[in-house]
mmCIF file of all heavy atoms, coordinates in Angstrom:
data_MODEL
# 
_entry.id   MODEL 
# 
loop_
_atom_site.group_PDB 
_atom_site.id 
_atom_site.type_symbol 
_atom_site.label_atom_id 
_atom_site.label_alt_id 
_atom_site.label_comp_id 
_atom_site.label_asym_id 
_atom_site.label_entity_id 
_atom_site.label_seq_id 
_atom_site.pdbx_PDB_ins_code 
_atom_site.Cartn_x 
_atom_site.Cartn_y 
_atom_site.Cartn_z 
_atom_site.occupancy 
_atom_site.B_iso_or_equiv 
_atom_site.pdbx_formal_charge 
_atom_site.auth_seq_id 
_atom_site.auth_comp_id 
_atom_site.auth_asym_id 
_atom_site.auth_atom_id 
_atom_site.pdbx_PDB_model_num 
ATOM 1   N N   . LEU A 1 1  ? -72.186 8.874  -49.360 1.00 0.00 ? 1  LEU A N   1 
ATOM 2   C CA  . LEU A 1 1  ? -72.648 10.013 -50.120 1.00 0.00 ? 1  LEU A CA  1 
ATOM 3   C C   . LEU A 1 1  ? -72.628 9.640  -51.591 1.00 0.00 ? 1  LEU A C   1 
ATOM 4   O O   . LEU A 1 1  ? -71.654 9.074  -52.065 1.00 0.00 ? 1  LEU A O   1 
ATOM 5   C CB  . LEU A 1 1  ? -71.721 11.220 -49.892 1.00 0.00 ? 1  LEU A CB  1 
ATOM 6   C CG  . LEU A 1 1  ? -71.666 11.790 -48.503 1.00 0.00 ? 1  LEU A CG  1 
ATOM 7   C CD1 . LEU A 1 1  ? -70.568 12.863 -48.401 1.00 0.00 ? 1  LEU A CD1 1 
ATOM 8   C CD2 . LEU A 1 1  ? -73.005 12.384 -48.058 1.00 0.00 ? 1  LEU A CD2 1 
ATOM 9   N N   . THR A 1 2  ? -73.692 9.971  -52.307 1.00 0.00 ? 2  THR A N   1 
ATOM 10  C CA  . THR A 1 2  ? -73.798 9.674  -53.744 1.00 0.00 ? 2  THR A CA  1 
ATOM 11  C C   . THR A 1 2  ? -74.214 10.915 -54.463 1.00 0.00 ? 2  THR A C   1 
ATOM 12  O O   . THR A 1 2  ? -75.258 11.514 -54.161 1.00 0.00 ? 2  THR A O   1 
ATOM 13  C CB  . THR A 1 2  ? -74.827 8.555  -53.982 1.00 0.00 ? 2  THR A CB  1 
ATOM 14  O OG1 . THR A 1 2  ? -74.530 7.434  -53.178 1.00 0.00 ? 2  THR A OG1 1 
ATOM 15  C CG2 . THR A 1 2  ? -74.876 8.178  -55.439 1.00 0.00 ? 2  THR A CG2 1 
ATOM 16  N N   . ALA A 1 3  ? -73.375 11.356 -55.417 1.00 0.00 ? 3  ALA A N   1 
ATOM 17  C CA  . ALA A 1 3  ? -73.632 12.606 -56.145 1.00 0.00 ? 3  ALA A CA  1 
ATOM 18  C C   . ALA A 1 3  ? -73.639 12.411 -57.646 1.00 0.00 ? 3  ALA A C   1 
ATOM 19  O O   . ALA A 1 3  ? -72.928 11.579 -58.169 1.00 0.00 ? 3  ALA A O   1 
ATOM 20  C CB  . ALA A 1 3  ? -72.523 13.609 -55.780 1.00 0.00 ? 3  ALA A CB  1 
ATOM 21  N N   . SER A 1 4  ? -74.481 13.196 -58.328 1.00 0.00 ? 4  SER A N   1 
ATOM 22  C CA  . SER A 1 4  ? -74.466 13.189 -59.782 1.00 0.00 ? 4  SER A CA  1 
ATOM 23  C C   . SER A 1 4  ? -73.253 14.044 -60.199 1.00 0.00 ? 4  SER A C   1 
ATOM 24  O O   . SER A 1 4  ? -72.712 14.815 -59.411 1.00 0.00 ? 4  SER A O   1 
ATOM 25  C CB  . SER A 1 4  ? -75.779 13.728 -60.325 1.00 0.00 ? 4  SER A CB  1 
ATOM 26  O OG  . SER A 1 4  ? -75.975 15.087 -59.979 1.00 0.00 ? 4  SER A OG  1 
ATOM 27  N N   . PRO A 1 5  ? -72.811 13.921 -61.454 1.00 0.00 ? 5  PRO A N   1 
ATOM 28  C CA  . PRO A 1 5  ? -71.676 14.714 -61.954 1.00 0.00 ? 5  PRO A CA  1 
ATOM 29  C C   . PRO A 1 5  ? -71.890 16.206 -61.709 1.00 0.00 ? 5  PRO A C   1 
ATOM 30  O O   . PRO A 1 5  ? -72.998 16.705 -61.867 1.00 0.00 ? 5  PRO A O   1 
ATOM 31  C CB  . PRO A 1 5  ? -71.612 14.382 -63.436 1.00 0.00 ? 5  PRO A CB  1 
ATOM 32  C CG  . PRO A 1 5  ? -72.250 13.034 -63.559 1.00 0.00 ? 5  PRO A CG  1 
ATOM 33  C CD  . PRO A 1 5  ? -73.330 13.036 -62.504 1.00 0.00 ? 5  PRO A CD  1 
ATOM 34  N N   . GLY A 1 6  ? -70.815 16.901 -61.256 1.00 0.00 ? 6  GLY A N   1 
ATOM 35  C CA  . GLY A 1 6  ? -70.906 18.326 -61.003 1.00 0.00 ? 6  GLY A CA  1 
ATOM 36  C C   . GLY A 1 6  ? -71.189 18.670 -59.550 1.00 0.00 ? 6  GLY A C   1 
ATOM 37  O O   . GLY A 1 6  ? -71.159 19.839 -59.181 1.00 0.00 ? 6  GLY A O   1 
ATOM 38  N N   . ILE A 1 7  ? -71.495 17.678 -58.749 1.00 0.00 ? 7  ILE A N   1 
ATOM 39  C CA  . ILE A 1 7  ? -71.759 17.909 -57.316 1.00 0.00 ? 7  ILE A CA  1 
ATOM 40  C C   . ILE A 1 7  ? -70.615 17.291 -56.507 1.00 0.00 ? 7  ILE A C   1 
ATOM 41  O O   . ILE A 1 7  ? -70.276 16.136 -56.703 1.00 0.00 ? 7  ILE A O   1 
ATOM 42  C CB  . ILE A 1 7  ? -73.112 17.278 -56.904 1.00 0.00 ? 7  ILE A CB  1 
ATOM 43  C CG1 . ILE A 1 7  ? -74.245 17.972 -57.671 1.00 0.00 ? 7  ILE A CG1 1 
ATOM 44  C CG2 . ILE A 1 7  ? -73.321 17.390 -55.408 1.00 0.00 ? 7  ILE A CG2 1 
ATOM 45  C CD1 . ILE A 1 7  ? -75.628 17.397 -57.390 1.00 0.00 ? 7  ILE A CD1 1 
ATOM 46  N N   . SER A 1 8  ? -70.054 18.081 -55.622 1.00 0.00 ? 8  SER A N   1 
ATOM 47  C CA  . SER A 1 8  ? -68.925 17.575 -54.802 1.00 0.00 ? 8  SER A CA  1 
ATOM 48  C C   . SER A 1 8  ? -69.470 16.804 -53.601 1.00 0.00 ? 8  SER A C   1 
ATOM 49  O O   . SER A 1 8  ? -70.540 17.118 -53.084 1.00 0.00 ? 8  SER A O   1 
ATOM 50  C CB  . SER A 1 8  ? -68.059 18.738 -54.299 1.00 0.00 ? 8  SER A CB  1 
ATOM 51  O OG  . SER A 1 8  ? -68.772 19.543 -53.423 1.00 0.00 ? 8  SER A OG  1 
ATOM 52  N N   . ALA A 1 9  ? -68.739 15.787 -53.198 1.00 0.00 ? 9  ALA A N   1 
ATOM 53  C CA  . ALA A 1 9  ? -69.095 14.972 -52.039 1.00 0.00 ? 9  ALA A CA  1 
ATOM 54  C C   . ALA A 1 9  ? -67.880 14.879 -51.129 1.00 0.00 ? 9  ALA A C   1 
ATOM 55  O O   . ALA A 1 9  ? -66.811 14.415 -51.529 1.00 0.00 ? 9  ALA A O   1 
ATOM 56  C CB  . ALA A 1 9  ? -69.521 13.578 -52.511 1.00 0.00 ? 9  ALA A CB  1 
ATOM 57  N N   . GLN A 1 10 ? -68.057 15.316 -49.851 1.00 0.00 ? 10 GLN A N   1 
ATOM 58  C CA  . GLN A 1 10 ? -66.938 15.295 -48.911 1.00 0.00 ? 10 GLN A CA  1 
ATOM 59  C C   . GLN A 1 10 ? -67.413 14.849 -47.540 1.00 0.00 ? 10 GLN A C   1 
ATOM 60  O O   . GLN A 1 10 ? -68.490 15.213 -47.101 1.00 0.00 ? 10 GLN A O   1 
ATOM 61  C CB  . GLN A 1 10 ? -66.359 16.719 -48.770 1.00 0.00 ? 10 GLN A CB  1 
ATOM 62  C CG  . GLN A 1 10 ? -65.769 17.288 -50.023 1.00 0.00 ? 10 GLN A CG  1 
ATOM 63  C CD  . GLN A 1 10 ? -65.333 18.723 -49.833 1.00 0.00 ? 10 GLN A CD  1 
ATOM 64  O OE1 . GLN A 1 10 ? -66.126 19.560 -49.451 1.00 0.00 ? 10 GLN A OE1 1 
ATOM 65  N NE2 . GLN A 1 10 ? -64.056 18.989 -50.085 1.00 0.00 ? 10 GLN A NE2 1 
ATOM 66  N N   . GLY A 1 11 ? -66.579 14.035 -46.901 1.00 0.00 ? 11 GLY A N   1 
ATOM 67  C CA  . GLY A 1 11 ? -66.892 13.571 -45.564 1.00 0.00 ? 11 GLY A CA  1 
ATOM 68  C C   . GLY A 1 11 ? -67.960 12.493 -45.553 1.00 0.00 ? 11 GLY A C   1 
ATOM 69  O O   . GLY A 1 11 ? -69.005 12.677 -44.964 1.00 0.00 ? 11 GLY A O   1 
ATOM 70  N N   . GLY A 1 12 ? -67.649 11.341 -46.158 1.00 0.00 ? 12 GLY A N   1 
ATOM 71  C CA  . GLY A 1 12 ? -68.601 10.261 -46.155 1.00 0.00 ? 12 GLY A CA  1 
ATOM 72  C C   . GLY A 1 12 ? -69.046 9.874  -44.738 1.00 0.00 ? 12 GLY A C   1 
ATOM 73  O O   . GLY A 1 12 ? -70.196 9.573  -44.496 1.00 0.00 ? 12 GLY A O   1 
ATOM 74  N N   . GLY A 1 13 ? -68.109 9.944  -43.816 1.00 0.00 ? 13 GLY A N   1 
ATOM 75  C CA  . GLY A 1 13 ? -68.432 9.682  -42.416 1.00 0.00 ? 13 GLY A CA  1 
ATOM 76  C C   . GLY A 1 13 ? -68.752 10.954 -41.646 1.00 0.00 ? 13 GLY A C   1 
ATOM 77  O O   . GLY A 1 13 ? -69.768 11.065 -41.012 1.00 0.00 ? 13 GLY A O   1 
ATOM 78  N N   . LEU A 1 14 ? -67.835 11.930 -41.770 1.00 0.00 ? 14 LEU A N   1 
ATOM 79  C CA  . LEU A 1 14 ? -67.939 13.170 -41.004 1.00 0.00 ? 14 LEU A CA  1 
ATOM 80  C C   . LEU A 1 14 ? -67.417 14.323 -41.818 1.00 0.00 ? 14 LEU A C   1 
ATOM 81  O O   . LEU A 1 14 ? -66.333 14.268 -42.405 1.00 0.00 ? 14 LEU A O   1 
ATOM 82  C CB  . LEU A 1 14 ? -67.152 13.036 -39.684 1.00 0.00 ? 14 LEU A CB  1 
ATOM 83  C CG  . LEU A 1 14 ? -66.920 14.267 -38.841 1.00 0.00 ? 14 LEU A CG  1 
ATOM 84  C CD1 . LEU A 1 14 ? -68.241 14.846 -38.350 1.00 0.00 ? 14 LEU A CD1 1 
ATOM 85  C CD2 . LEU A 1 14 ? -65.992 13.950 -37.670 1.00 0.00 ? 14 LEU A CD2 1 
ATOM 86  N N   . PHE A 1 15 ? -68.183 15.402 -41.849 1.00 0.00 ? 15 PHE A N   1 
ATOM 87  C CA  . PHE A 1 15 ? -67.751 16.670 -42.443 1.00 0.00 ? 15 PHE A CA  1 
ATOM 88  C C   . PHE A 1 15 ? -67.823 17.735 -41.376 1.00 0.00 ? 15 PHE A C   1 
ATOM 89  O O   . PHE A 1 15 ? -68.865 17.917 -40.757 1.00 0.00 ? 15 PHE A O   1 
ATOM 90  C CB  . PHE A 1 15 ? -68.687 17.066 -43.620 1.00 0.00 ? 15 PHE A CB  1 
ATOM 91  C CG  . PHE A 1 15 ? -68.344 18.392 -44.246 1.00 0.00 ? 15 PHE A CG  1 
ATOM 92  C CD1 . PHE A 1 15 ? -67.583 18.446 -45.412 1.00 0.00 ? 15 PHE A CD1 1 
ATOM 93  C CD2 . PHE A 1 15 ? -68.762 19.583 -43.695 1.00 0.00 ? 15 PHE A CD2 1 
ATOM 94  C CE1 . PHE A 1 15 ? -67.273 19.655 -46.000 1.00 0.00 ? 15 PHE A CE1 1 
ATOM 95  C CE2 . PHE A 1 15 ? -68.454 20.804 -44.261 1.00 0.00 ? 15 PHE A CE2 1 
ATOM 96  C CZ  . PHE A 1 15 ? -67.698 20.824 -45.440 1.00 0.00 ? 15 PHE A CZ  1 
ATOM 97  N N   . SER A 1 16 ? -66.688 18.439 -41.141 1.00 0.00 ? 16 SER A N   1 
ATOM 98  C CA  . SER A 1 16 ? -66.735 19.453 -40.106 1.00 0.00 ? 16 SER A CA  1 
ATOM 99  C C   . SER A 1 16 ? -65.950 20.710 -40.526 1.00 0.00 ? 16 SER A C   1 
ATOM 100 O O   . SER A 1 16 ? -64.843 20.631 -41.020 1.00 0.00 ? 16 SER A O   1 
ATOM 101 C CB  . SER A 1 16 ? -66.126 18.934 -38.819 1.00 0.00 ? 16 SER A CB  1 
ATOM 102 O OG  . SER A 1 16 ? -66.253 19.917 -37.808 1.00 0.00 ? 16 SER A OG  1 
ATOM 103 N N   . LEU A 1 17 ? -66.570 21.862 -40.277 1.00 0.00 ? 17 LEU A N   1 
ATOM 104 C CA  . LEU A 1 17 ? -65.909 23.136 -40.487 1.00 0.00 ? 17 LEU A CA  1 
ATOM 105 C C   . LEU A 1 17 ? -65.262 23.644 -39.201 1.00 0.00 ? 17 LEU A C   1 
ATOM 106 O O   . LEU A 1 17 ? -64.696 24.741 -39.144 1.00 0.00 ? 17 LEU A O   1 
ATOM 107 C CB  . LEU A 1 17 ? -66.943 24.171 -40.999 1.00 0.00 ? 17 LEU A CB  1 
ATOM 108 C CG  . LEU A 1 17 ? -67.557 23.829 -42.354 1.00 0.00 ? 17 LEU A CG  1 
ATOM 109 C CD1 . LEU A 1 17 ? -68.658 24.829 -42.679 1.00 0.00 ? 17 LEU A CD1 1 
ATOM 110 C CD2 . LEU A 1 17 ? -66.498 23.854 -43.455 1.00 0.00 ? 17 LEU A CD2 1 
ATOM 111 N N   . PHE A 1 18 ? -65.387 22.874 -38.111 1.00 0.00 ? 18 PHE A N   1 
ATOM 112 C CA  . PHE A 1 18 ? -64.899 23.255 -36.800 1.00 0.00 ? 18 PHE A CA  1 
ATOM 113 C C   . PHE A 1 18 ? -64.109 22.110 -36.183 1.00 0.00 ? 18 PHE A C   1 
ATOM 114 O O   . PHE A 1 18 ? -64.289 20.961 -36.593 1.00 0.00 ? 18 PHE A O   1 
ATOM 115 C CB  . PHE A 1 18 ? -66.088 23.659 -35.895 1.00 0.00 ? 18 PHE A CB  1 
ATOM 116 C CG  . PHE A 1 18 ? -66.813 24.860 -36.396 1.00 0.00 ? 18 PHE A CG  1 
ATOM 117 C CD1 . PHE A 1 18 ? -67.880 24.748 -37.277 1.00 0.00 ? 18 PHE A CD1 1 
ATOM 118 C CD2 . PHE A 1 18 ? -66.402 26.158 -36.014 1.00 0.00 ? 18 PHE A CD2 1 
ATOM 119 C CE1 . PHE A 1 18 ? -68.540 25.844 -37.752 1.00 0.00 ? 18 PHE A CE1 1 
ATOM 120 C CE2 . PHE A 1 18 ? -67.067 27.278 -36.507 1.00 0.00 ? 18 PHE A CE2 1 
ATOM 121 C CZ  . PHE A 1 18 ? -68.122 27.120 -37.384 1.00 0.00 ? 18 PHE A CZ  1 
ATOM 122 N N   . PRO A 1 19 ? -63.305 22.362 -35.149 1.00 0.00 ? 19 PRO A N   1 
ATOM 123 C CA  . PRO A 1 19 ? -62.538 21.271 -34.523 1.00 0.00 ? 19 PRO A CA  1 
ATOM 124 C C   . PRO A 1 19 ? -63.427 20.176 -33.974 1.00 0.00 ? 19 PRO A C   1 
ATOM 125 O O   . PRO A 1 19 ? -64.536 20.451 -33.451 1.00 0.00 ? 19 PRO A O   1 
ATOM 126 C CB  . PRO A 1 19 ? -61.780 21.969 -33.399 1.00 0.00 ? 19 PRO A CB  1 
ATOM 127 C CG  . PRO A 1 19 ? -61.707 23.413 -33.831 1.00 0.00 ? 19 PRO A CG  1 
ATOM 128 C CD  . PRO A 1 19 ? -62.945 23.662 -34.593 1.00 0.00 ? 19 PRO A CD  1 
ATOM 129 N N   . VAL A 1 20 ? -62.967 18.949 -34.104 1.00 0.00 ? 20 VAL A N   1 
ATOM 130 C CA  . VAL A 1 20 ? -63.664 17.760 -33.588 1.00 0.00 ? 20 VAL A CA  1 
ATOM 131 C C   . VAL A 1 20 ? -62.756 17.086 -32.580 1.00 0.00 ? 20 VAL A C   1 
ATOM 132 O O   . VAL A 1 20 ? -61.548 16.923 -32.816 1.00 0.00 ? 20 VAL A O   1 
ATOM 133 C CB  . VAL A 1 20 ? -64.008 16.786 -34.746 1.00 0.00 ? 20 VAL A CB  1 
ATOM 134 C CG1 . VAL A 1 20 ? -64.611 15.519 -34.193 1.00 0.00 ? 20 VAL A CG1 1 
ATOM 135 C CG2 . VAL A 1 20 ? -64.916 17.446 -35.737 1.00 0.00 ? 20 VAL A CG2 1 
ATOM 136 N N   . THR A 1 21 ? -63.308 16.646 -31.459 1.00 0.00 ? 21 THR A N   1 
ATOM 137 C CA  . THR A 1 21 ? -62.548 15.904 -30.446 1.00 0.00 ? 21 THR A CA  1 
ATOM 138 C C   . THR A 1 21 ? -62.942 14.442 -30.537 1.00 0.00 ? 21 THR A C   1 
ATOM 139 O O   . THR A 1 21 ? -64.141 14.122 -30.391 1.00 0.00 ? 21 THR A O   1 
ATOM 140 C CB  . THR A 1 21 ? -62.820 16.461 -29.027 1.00 0.00 ? 21 THR A CB  1 
ATOM 141 O OG1 . THR A 1 21 ? -62.508 17.850 -28.996 1.00 0.00 ? 21 THR A OG1 1 
ATOM 142 C CG2 . THR A 1 21 ? -62.015 15.710 -28.002 1.00 0.00 ? 21 THR A CG2 1 
ATOM 143 N N   . LEU A 1 22 ? -61.952 13.568 -30.725 1.00 0.00 ? 22 LEU A N   1 
ATOM 144 C CA  . LEU A 1 22 ? -62.207 12.125 -30.832 1.00 0.00 ? 22 LEU A CA  1 
ATOM 145 C C   . LEU A 1 22 ? -61.505 11.413 -29.681 1.00 0.00 ? 22 LEU A C   1 
ATOM 146 O O   . LEU A 1 22 ? -60.318 11.575 -29.479 1.00 0.00 ? 22 LEU A O   1 
ATOM 147 C CB  . LEU A 1 22 ? -61.658 11.562 -32.154 1.00 0.00 ? 22 LEU A CB  1 
ATOM 148 C CG  . LEU A 1 22 ? -62.204 12.159 -33.451 1.00 0.00 ? 22 LEU A CG  1 
ATOM 149 C CD1 . LEU A 1 22 ? -61.393 11.655 -34.645 1.00 0.00 ? 22 LEU A CD1 1 
ATOM 150 C CD2 . LEU A 1 22 ? -63.651 11.782 -33.587 1.00 0.00 ? 22 LEU A CD2 1 
ATOM 151 N N   . THR A 1 23 ? -62.263 10.580 -28.981 1.00 0.00 ? 23 THR A N   1 
ATOM 152 C CA  . THR A 1 23 ? -61.702 9.728  -27.931 1.00 0.00 ? 23 THR A CA  1 
ATOM 153 C C   . THR A 1 23 ? -62.233 8.308  -28.132 1.00 0.00 ? 23 THR A C   1 
ATOM 154 O O   . THR A 1 23 ? -63.444 8.095  -28.052 1.00 0.00 ? 23 THR A O   1 
ATOM 155 C CB  . THR A 1 23 ? -62.132 10.254 -26.524 1.00 0.00 ? 23 THR A CB  1 
ATOM 156 O OG1 . THR A 1 23 ? -61.728 11.594 -26.379 1.00 0.00 ? 23 THR A OG1 1 
ATOM 157 C CG2 . THR A 1 23 ? -61.496 9.411  -25.415 1.00 0.00 ? 23 THR A CG2 1 
ATOM 158 N N   . ASN A 1 24 ? -61.319 7.397  -28.466 1.00 0.00 ? 24 ASN A N   1 
ATOM 159 C CA  . ASN A 1 24 ? -61.689 5.997  -28.682 1.00 0.00 ? 24 ASN A CA  1 
ATOM 160 C C   . ASN A 1 24 ? -62.868 5.869  -29.700 1.00 0.00 ? 24 ASN A C   1 
ATOM 161 O O   . ASN A 1 24 ? -63.768 5.065  -29.493 1.00 0.00 ? 24 ASN A O   1 
ATOM 162 C CB  . ASN A 1 24 ? -62.057 5.291  -27.399 1.00 0.00 ? 24 ASN A CB  1 
ATOM 163 C CG  . ASN A 1 24 ? -60.909 5.242  -26.409 1.00 0.00 ? 24 ASN A CG  1 
ATOM 164 O OD1 . ASN A 1 24 ? -59.767 5.083  -26.803 1.00 0.00 ? 24 ASN A OD1 1 
ATOM 165 N ND2 . ASN A 1 24 ? -61.187 5.450  -25.157 1.00 0.00 ? 24 ASN A ND2 1 
# 
């Protein structure tokens, strides 16, 4: 993620507002 000043950047790989299930 690349942002100009004043813009927030979150979750370069994954951004989630809900539960995520990870297996291997």
